[in-house]
């Protein structure tokens, strides 16, 4: 590596959303169930609105709206609606190029330039640790229960008290990825008692599927941040729009550290259109929840396989044998899932995709505990 580059980056691996290994034969049908997107694209009428926006409303030679004013106001309205509130305003909202940008901004605002670490409970969303590492920020990791995946709050509290570098941010996903469990009352109680010198970040990427939110906490807890995304239930993964709900003070800090013009004009407009048509778009939630229940019940009957209940748009399971072998077998059959955290994370797809998932799992698992 060139001497001008940080030497520790030589040990890093670039993030890869999909496996790149070559398959001997390409399956006739490939179901993309490894990134927790919505199984359905935008309705044609809304795609037409986006096409019109691109062709007629957006001047390609002009920068996007760098202040995000109209979009922030629309997001605030939705945040209030989602939590039965009336007091969230645009001043509580910051918009990012995906939630990843907001996570990175929070890390810059809390740890960069001074000693500090973050705390995560594994297994969880990998980008917290990845983004922290790229910024040279230490990551303190604590365990979850092997049975329920609840955080060991005693271990977490001890880690905060004994960490060599002060823990400045605690990241929790609600419900967690990859294990799909929502925060428990005990976990929430522990988070609420943390002092204000620890930032509490609750990632609600899957809120629409769980209908459990902590947004109201930001009104009384100045050190709380809730992040959400348009990539899942709102079907805008291609547009990369995320947002945070937090105190106006923290929002002002996020505005200081984010890149200018960070959200492309078409992404900005897509989020506006999605929010304006949210009742239509979110009708898919009922189907996802019904398919989740159907898939879960069917998977509980599979041999050599354990599946956990889910509050998200995916299921998490572990075979009795090698999960890597089962992962590869499913991929060869055309079912792409995520191998992470010692198990498999399987996105809820269309009814047809879910049926193929079950068939492929049944075929792989009846071949033996390892799925091979």
Protein backbone atom coordinates (compact mmCIF):
# COMPACT_ATOMS: atom_id res chain seq x y z
CA UNK A 1 0.00 0.00 0.00
CA UNK A 2 1.19 3.50 -0.76
CA UNK A 3 2.85 5.21 2.22
CA UNK A 4 0.37 8.10 1.96
CA UNK A 5 -2.49 5.71 2.84
CA UNK A 6 -3.32 4.73 6.42
CA UNK A 7 -1.63 1.33 6.94
CA UNK A 8 -4.54 -0.14 8.94
CA UNK A 9 -6.74 0.06 5.83
CA UNK A 10 -4.73 -2.80 4.33
CA UNK A 11 -6.61 -5.20 6.62
CA UNK A 12 -10.06 -3.86 5.68
CA UNK A 13 -12.42 -5.50 3.23
CA UNK A 14 -14.76 -3.39 1.12
CA UNK A 15 -18.45 -3.82 1.94
CA UNK A 16 -20.13 -6.31 -0.38
CA UNK A 17 -23.91 -6.49 -0.42
CA UNK A 18 -24.12 -9.59 -2.62
CA UNK A 19 -21.75 -12.58 -2.93
CA UNK A 20 -19.48 -12.47 -5.95
CA UNK A 21 -18.45 -16.13 -6.13
CA UNK A 22 -18.93 -17.72 -9.54
CA UNK A 23 -21.65 -20.36 -9.85
CA UNK A 24 -21.07 -23.38 -12.08
CA UNK A 25 -24.58 -23.00 -13.48
CA UNK A 26 -26.92 -20.02 -13.29
CA UNK A 27 -30.37 -20.79 -11.81
CA UNK A 28 -33.32 -20.06 -14.09
CA UNK A 29 -34.94 -17.87 -11.40
CA UNK A 30 -32.97 -15.84 -8.86
CA UNK A 31 -34.82 -14.51 -5.81
CA UNK A 32 -32.99 -11.57 -4.21
CA UNK A 33 -33.82 -12.07 -0.53
CA UNK A 34 -30.56 -10.96 1.08
CA UNK A 35 -30.88 -7.18 1.48
CA UNK A 36 -34.32 -6.72 3.10
CA UNK A 37 -35.75 -4.57 0.34
CA UNK A 38 -39.46 -4.46 -0.40
CA UNK A 39 -40.41 -7.19 -2.85
CA UNK A 40 -42.51 -4.76 -4.90
CA UNK A 41 -41.39 -1.84 -7.04
CA UNK A 42 -43.22 1.48 -7.01
CA UNK A 43 -46.62 1.44 -8.73
CA UNK A 44 -46.46 2.55 -12.36
CA UNK A 45 -48.41 5.75 -11.64
CA UNK A 46 -45.79 6.85 -9.11
CA UNK A 47 -42.95 5.91 -11.44
CA UNK A 48 -44.63 8.10 -14.03
CA UNK A 49 -44.63 10.96 -11.52
CA UNK A 50 -40.91 10.44 -10.95
CA UNK A 51 -40.27 10.36 -14.69
CA UNK A 52 -42.15 13.62 -15.09
CA UNK A 53 -40.18 15.13 -12.22
CA UNK A 54 -36.89 14.16 -13.84
CA UNK A 55 -37.85 15.31 -17.31
CA UNK A 56 -39.84 18.44 -16.48
CA UNK A 57 -39.29 19.64 -12.90
CA UNK A 58 -35.61 19.00 -12.19
CA UNK A 59 -32.97 21.17 -13.80
CA UNK A 60 -29.94 18.92 -14.19
CA UNK A 61 -27.58 21.90 -14.23
CA UNK A 62 -28.72 23.04 -10.77
CA UNK A 63 -27.72 21.68 -7.40
CA UNK A 64 -30.38 19.96 -5.26
CA UNK A 65 -32.19 21.76 -2.44
CA UNK A 66 -29.35 21.80 0.08
CA UNK A 67 -31.57 22.68 3.02
CA UNK A 68 -34.16 19.91 2.50
CA UNK A 69 -36.83 22.24 3.90
CA UNK A 70 -39.98 20.88 2.23
CA UNK A 71 -38.90 17.27 2.66
CA UNK A 72 -38.07 17.77 6.34
CA UNK A 73 -41.53 19.20 6.93
CA UNK A 74 -43.16 16.23 5.19
CA UNK A 75 -41.04 13.77 7.19
CA UNK A 76 -41.98 15.54 10.43
CA UNK A 77 -45.66 15.12 9.59
CA UNK A 78 -45.12 11.38 9.00
CA UNK A 79 -43.02 11.01 12.17
CA UNK A 80 -45.81 12.59 14.20
CA UNK A 81 -48.39 10.36 12.54
CA UNK A 82 -46.32 7.22 13.14
CA UNK A 83 -45.95 7.91 16.86
CA UNK A 84 -49.31 9.59 17.59
CA UNK A 85 -47.57 12.90 18.24
CA UNK A 86 -48.07 16.51 17.17
CA UNK A 87 -44.84 18.15 18.33
CA UNK A 88 -42.17 16.86 15.92
CA UNK A 89 -41.15 19.66 13.55
CA UNK A 90 -38.70 20.12 10.69
CA UNK A 91 -36.19 21.29 13.30
CA UNK A 92 -36.09 17.70 14.63
CA UNK A 93 -35.27 16.20 11.21
CA UNK A 94 -32.02 15.67 9.33
CA UNK A 95 -31.89 13.92 5.94
CA UNK A 96 -29.08 11.68 4.70
CA UNK A 97 -27.97 9.83 1.63
CA UNK A 98 -29.24 6.63 3.20
CA UNK A 99 -29.09 5.99 6.93
CA UNK A 100 -25.41 5.10 6.51
CA UNK A 101 -24.55 8.75 5.95
CA UNK A 102 -26.38 9.72 9.13
CA UNK A 103 -24.53 7.03 11.10
CA UNK A 104 -21.23 8.33 9.76
CA UNK A 105 -22.19 11.93 10.62
CA UNK A 106 -23.05 10.88 14.17
CA UNK A 107 -19.66 9.20 14.51
CA UNK A 108 -17.91 12.31 13.23
CA UNK A 109 -19.89 14.48 15.62
CA UNK A 110 -19.15 12.36 18.69
CA UNK A 111 -15.79 10.62 18.36
CA UNK A 112 -13.60 12.01 15.59
CA UNK A 113 -10.87 14.30 16.89
CA UNK A 114 -11.01 13.05 20.47
CA UNK A 115 -10.89 9.76 22.32
CA UNK A 116 -14.10 7.80 22.21
CA UNK A 117 -15.62 4.47 21.28
CA UNK A 118 -19.00 3.06 20.30
CA UNK A 119 -20.92 0.14 21.76
CA UNK A 120 -22.84 -2.46 19.75
CA UNK A 121 -24.46 -5.76 20.68
CA UNK A 122 -23.53 -8.58 18.29
CA UNK A 123 -24.94 -9.84 16.07
CA UNK A 124 -26.26 -6.58 14.67
CA UNK A 125 -26.10 -4.29 11.64
CA UNK A 126 -22.51 -4.47 10.43
CA UNK A 127 -22.20 -0.88 9.21
CA UNK A 128 -21.84 0.55 12.71
CA UNK A 129 -18.57 -1.29 13.17
CA UNK A 130 -17.45 -0.84 9.56
CA UNK A 131 -17.99 2.92 9.54
CA UNK A 132 -16.39 3.31 12.96
CA UNK A 133 -13.32 1.37 11.84
CA UNK A 134 -12.89 3.51 8.72
CA UNK A 135 -12.81 6.56 11.01
CA UNK A 136 -10.36 4.95 13.44
CA UNK A 137 -12.97 4.67 16.20
CA UNK A 138 -12.79 1.65 18.57
CA UNK A 139 -15.83 -0.63 18.76
CA UNK A 140 -16.87 -2.19 22.08
CA UNK A 141 -18.89 -5.35 21.48
CA UNK A 142 -21.22 -7.04 23.96
CA UNK A 143 -23.17 -10.30 23.57
CA UNK A 144 -26.82 -11.13 23.07
CA UNK A 145 -28.72 -14.07 24.48
CA UNK A 146 -28.37 -17.16 22.29
CA UNK A 147 -32.02 -17.96 22.97
CA UNK A 148 -33.77 -14.62 22.54
CA UNK A 149 -31.06 -12.31 21.14
CA UNK A 150 -31.82 -9.79 23.89
CA UNK A 151 -28.84 -7.64 24.83
CA UNK A 152 -26.91 -8.61 27.94
CA UNK A 153 -27.51 -5.24 29.61
CA UNK A 154 -25.31 -6.10 32.59
CA UNK A 155 -22.40 -6.77 30.25
CA UNK A 156 -23.20 -3.59 28.34
CA UNK A 157 -23.24 -1.49 31.51
CA UNK A 158 -19.97 -3.04 32.66
CA UNK A 159 -18.41 -2.37 29.26
CA UNK A 160 -19.34 1.30 29.44
CA UNK A 161 -17.85 1.60 32.92
CA UNK A 162 -14.58 -0.17 32.07
CA UNK A 163 -13.90 0.83 28.46
CA UNK A 164 -10.41 2.28 27.95
CA UNK A 165 -11.87 4.94 25.68
CA UNK A 166 -15.18 6.41 26.85
CA UNK A 167 -18.24 5.02 25.11
CA UNK A 168 -19.79 8.00 23.38
CA UNK A 169 -22.46 6.23 21.28
CA UNK A 170 -24.65 3.16 21.81
CA UNK A 171 -26.23 1.79 18.63
CA UNK A 172 -29.35 -0.38 18.81
CA UNK A 173 -31.59 -1.60 15.99
CA UNK A 174 -35.31 -1.81 16.76
CA UNK A 175 -36.06 -4.50 15.55
CA UNK A 176 -32.54 -5.83 15.29
CA UNK A 177 -30.88 -6.97 12.10
CA UNK A 178 -30.17 -9.80 11.47
CA UNK A 179 -32.14 -11.39 14.33
CA UNK A 180 -35.47 -9.50 13.84
CA UNK A 181 -36.27 -9.03 17.54
CA UNK A 182 -37.61 -5.72 18.87
CA UNK A 183 -36.14 -4.06 21.95
CA UNK A 184 -37.50 -5.44 25.21
CA UNK A 185 -38.76 -3.41 28.15
CA UNK A 186 -35.55 -4.25 30.03
CA UNK A 187 -33.37 -3.08 27.15
CA UNK A 188 -35.35 0.14 26.80
CA UNK A 189 -35.15 0.77 30.55
CA UNK A 190 -31.36 0.36 30.41
CA UNK A 191 -31.04 2.73 27.45
CA UNK A 192 -33.21 5.35 29.17
CA UNK A 193 -30.99 5.42 32.25
CA UNK A 194 -27.79 6.12 30.30
CA UNK A 195 -26.31 9.55 31.06
CA UNK A 196 -26.46 12.37 28.53
CA UNK A 197 -22.74 12.06 27.77
CA UNK A 198 -23.66 8.83 25.90
CA UNK A 199 -25.56 9.27 22.64
CA UNK A 200 -28.32 6.65 22.21
CA UNK A 201 -29.05 5.87 18.56
CA UNK A 202 -32.12 3.73 17.84
CA UNK A 203 -32.18 2.48 14.26
CA UNK A 204 -35.81 2.01 13.20
CA UNK A 205 -35.17 0.93 9.62
CA UNK A 206 -37.92 -1.70 9.98
CA UNK A 207 -40.41 0.37 11.98
CA UNK A 208 -43.24 0.01 9.48
CA UNK A 209 -43.15 -3.79 9.84
CA UNK A 210 -42.99 -3.79 13.65
CA UNK A 211 -45.12 -0.70 14.40
CA UNK A 212 -42.95 -0.17 17.48
CA UNK A 213 -41.22 3.18 17.79
CA UNK A 214 -39.21 5.22 20.28
CA UNK A 215 -39.64 8.54 18.46
CA UNK A 216 -41.44 10.14 21.41
CA UNK A 217 -38.29 9.69 23.53
CA UNK A 218 -36.41 12.34 21.52
CA UNK A 219 -38.78 14.98 22.91
CA UNK A 220 -37.65 14.43 26.50
CA UNK A 221 -34.21 12.84 26.09
CA UNK A 222 -31.68 15.22 24.52
CA UNK A 223 -29.18 12.42 23.88
CA UNK A 224 -31.56 10.21 21.82
CA UNK A 225 -31.55 9.88 18.03
CA UNK A 226 -33.96 7.76 15.99
CA UNK A 227 -32.91 6.92 12.44
CA UNK A 228 -35.18 5.59 9.70
CA UNK A 229 -35.04 4.88 6.00
CA UNK A 230 -37.14 5.05 2.84
CA UNK A 231 -35.33 1.95 1.48
CA UNK A 232 -37.59 -0.70 3.02
CA UNK A 233 -41.34 -0.18 3.38
CA UNK A 234 -41.35 2.89 1.11
CA UNK A 235 -39.69 0.93 -1.74
CA UNK A 236 -36.99 3.52 -2.47
CA UNK A 237 -33.81 1.50 -1.96
CA UNK A 238 -32.48 2.73 -5.32
CA UNK A 239 -32.79 6.35 -4.19
CA UNK A 240 -30.88 6.13 -0.88
CA UNK A 241 -32.87 8.39 1.44
CA UNK A 242 -32.61 8.15 5.22
CA UNK A 243 -33.58 10.50 8.02
CA UNK A 244 -33.10 11.10 11.71
CA UNK A 245 -35.47 12.38 14.35
CA UNK A 246 -33.72 13.99 17.29
CA UNK A 247 -33.46 17.19 19.31
CA UNK A 248 -33.02 20.43 17.36
CA UNK A 249 -29.60 20.81 19.02
CA UNK A 250 -28.31 17.49 17.64
CA UNK A 251 -30.00 18.17 14.30
CA UNK A 252 -28.02 21.40 14.01
CA UNK A 253 -24.82 19.47 14.65
CA UNK A 254 -25.71 16.91 11.95
CA UNK A 255 -26.32 19.77 9.53
CA UNK A 256 -22.83 21.07 10.26
CA UNK A 257 -21.02 17.81 9.51
CA UNK A 258 -23.00 16.46 6.55
CA UNK A 259 -21.80 17.03 3.00
CA UNK A 260 -23.48 19.87 1.08
CA UNK A 261 -26.14 18.90 -1.46
CA UNK A 262 -25.97 15.35 -0.10
CA UNK A 263 -29.32 14.22 -1.50
CA UNK A 264 -29.72 14.15 -5.30
CA UNK A 265 -32.76 16.01 -6.64
CA UNK A 266 -34.46 12.86 -7.94
CA UNK A 267 -34.03 11.12 -4.58
CA UNK A 268 -35.41 14.20 -2.85
CA UNK A 269 -38.44 14.22 -5.13
CA UNK A 270 -38.95 10.45 -4.78
CA UNK A 271 -39.17 10.76 -1.00
CA UNK A 272 -41.69 13.59 -1.32
CA UNK A 273 -43.84 11.55 -3.70
CA UNK A 274 -43.60 8.45 -1.49
CA UNK A 275 -44.73 10.39 1.58
CA UNK A 276 -47.60 12.00 -0.34
CA UNK A 277 -48.77 8.51 -1.36
CA UNK A 278 -47.82 6.70 1.85
CA UNK A 279 -51.28 5.24 2.43
CA UNK A 280 -51.08 3.47 -0.92
CA UNK A 281 -47.47 2.35 -0.56
CA UNK A 282 -47.84 1.07 2.99
CA UNK A 283 -50.77 -1.20 2.15
CA UNK A 284 -48.11 -3.80 1.33
CA UNK A 285 -47.25 -4.05 5.05
CA UNK A 286 -50.26 -6.28 5.78
CA UNK A 287 -49.17 -8.75 3.08
CA UNK A 288 -45.58 -8.80 4.36
CA UNK A 289 -46.77 -9.47 7.90
CA UNK A 290 -49.11 -12.25 6.73
CA UNK A 291 -46.38 -13.84 4.61
CA UNK A 292 -43.95 -13.51 7.50
CA UNK A 293 -46.33 -15.44 9.75
CA UNK A 294 -46.94 -18.09 7.09
CA UNK A 295 -43.24 -18.51 6.38
CA UNK A 296 -42.36 -18.64 10.07
CA UNK A 297 -44.90 -21.37 10.79
CA UNK A 298 -43.71 -23.42 7.82
CA UNK A 299 -40.06 -23.03 8.79
CA UNK A 300 -40.73 -24.28 12.30
CA UNK A 301 -41.62 -27.62 10.69
CA UNK A 302 -38.38 -27.92 8.70
CA UNK A 303 -35.88 -30.59 9.80
CA UNK A 304 -32.52 -29.56 11.29
CA UNK A 305 -33.46 -25.87 11.29
CA UNK A 306 -34.37 -23.34 13.98
CA UNK A 307 -36.18 -20.12 13.12
CA UNK A 308 -36.94 -17.21 15.48
CA UNK A 309 -40.04 -14.98 15.62
CA UNK A 310 -39.72 -11.72 13.70
CA UNK A 311 -40.86 -8.12 14.06
CA UNK A 312 -39.26 -7.11 10.75
CA UNK A 313 -39.59 -7.95 7.05
CA UNK A 314 -37.20 -10.88 7.32
CA UNK A 315 -36.71 -14.09 9.28
CA UNK A 316 -33.57 -15.35 10.97
CA UNK A 317 -32.73 -19.01 11.25
CA UNK A 318 -29.88 -21.40 11.92
CA UNK A 319 -29.41 -24.95 10.63
CA UNK A 320 -28.15 -27.74 12.86
CA UNK A 321 -25.11 -28.00 10.59
CA UNK A 322 -22.95 -25.51 8.75
CA UNK A 323 -24.85 -22.33 7.81
CA UNK A 324 -22.26 -21.49 5.15
CA UNK A 325 -23.00 -24.78 3.38
CA UNK A 326 -26.75 -24.16 3.49
CA UNK A 327 -26.19 -20.62 2.24
CA UNK A 328 -24.28 -21.91 -0.79
CA UNK A 329 -26.84 -24.62 -1.50
CA UNK A 330 -29.69 -22.10 -1.47
CA UNK A 331 -27.72 -19.77 -3.73
CA UNK A 332 -27.13 -22.55 -6.23
CA UNK A 333 -30.89 -23.15 -6.22
CA UNK A 334 -31.58 -19.47 -6.91
CA UNK A 335 -32.49 -18.26 -3.40
CA UNK A 336 -30.10 -15.52 -2.32
CA UNK A 337 -30.12 -14.96 1.46
CA UNK A 338 -27.67 -13.30 3.84
CA UNK A 339 -25.18 -15.43 5.79
CA UNK A 340 -24.49 -13.38 8.91
CA UNK A 341 -24.27 -13.65 12.69
CA UNK A 342 -23.89 -17.42 12.59
CA UNK A 343 -27.15 -17.96 10.71
CA UNK A 344 -29.22 -16.97 7.69
CA UNK A 345 -31.28 -13.81 7.30
CA UNK A 346 -34.10 -14.36 4.80
CA UNK A 347 -36.08 -11.43 3.44
CA UNK A 348 -39.84 -11.84 3.10
CA UNK A 349 -40.52 -11.74 -0.64
CA UNK A 350 -43.58 -12.15 -2.80
CA UNK A 351 -45.78 -15.20 -2.12
CA UNK A 352 -44.16 -16.95 -5.10
CA UNK A 353 -40.64 -16.15 -3.88
CA UNK A 354 -41.50 -17.31 -0.38
CA UNK A 355 -42.86 -20.58 -1.72
CA UNK A 356 -39.62 -21.19 -3.60
CA UNK A 357 -37.66 -20.34 -0.44
CA UNK A 358 -39.54 -23.00 1.49
CA UNK A 359 -39.12 -25.56 -1.28
CA UNK A 360 -35.39 -24.88 -1.55
CA UNK A 361 -34.90 -25.01 2.21
CA UNK A 362 -36.85 -28.27 2.43
CA UNK A 363 -34.78 -29.79 -0.35
CA UNK A 364 -31.47 -28.63 1.13
CA UNK A 365 -32.24 -29.61 4.72
CA UNK A 366 -33.60 -33.07 3.93
CA UNK A 367 -30.24 -33.78 2.31
CA UNK A 368 -28.67 -33.55 5.78
CA UNK A 369 -28.20 -31.24 8.76
CA UNK A 370 -25.64 -29.12 6.89
CA UNK A 371 -27.93 -28.62 3.91
CA UNK A 372 -25.47 -30.28 1.56
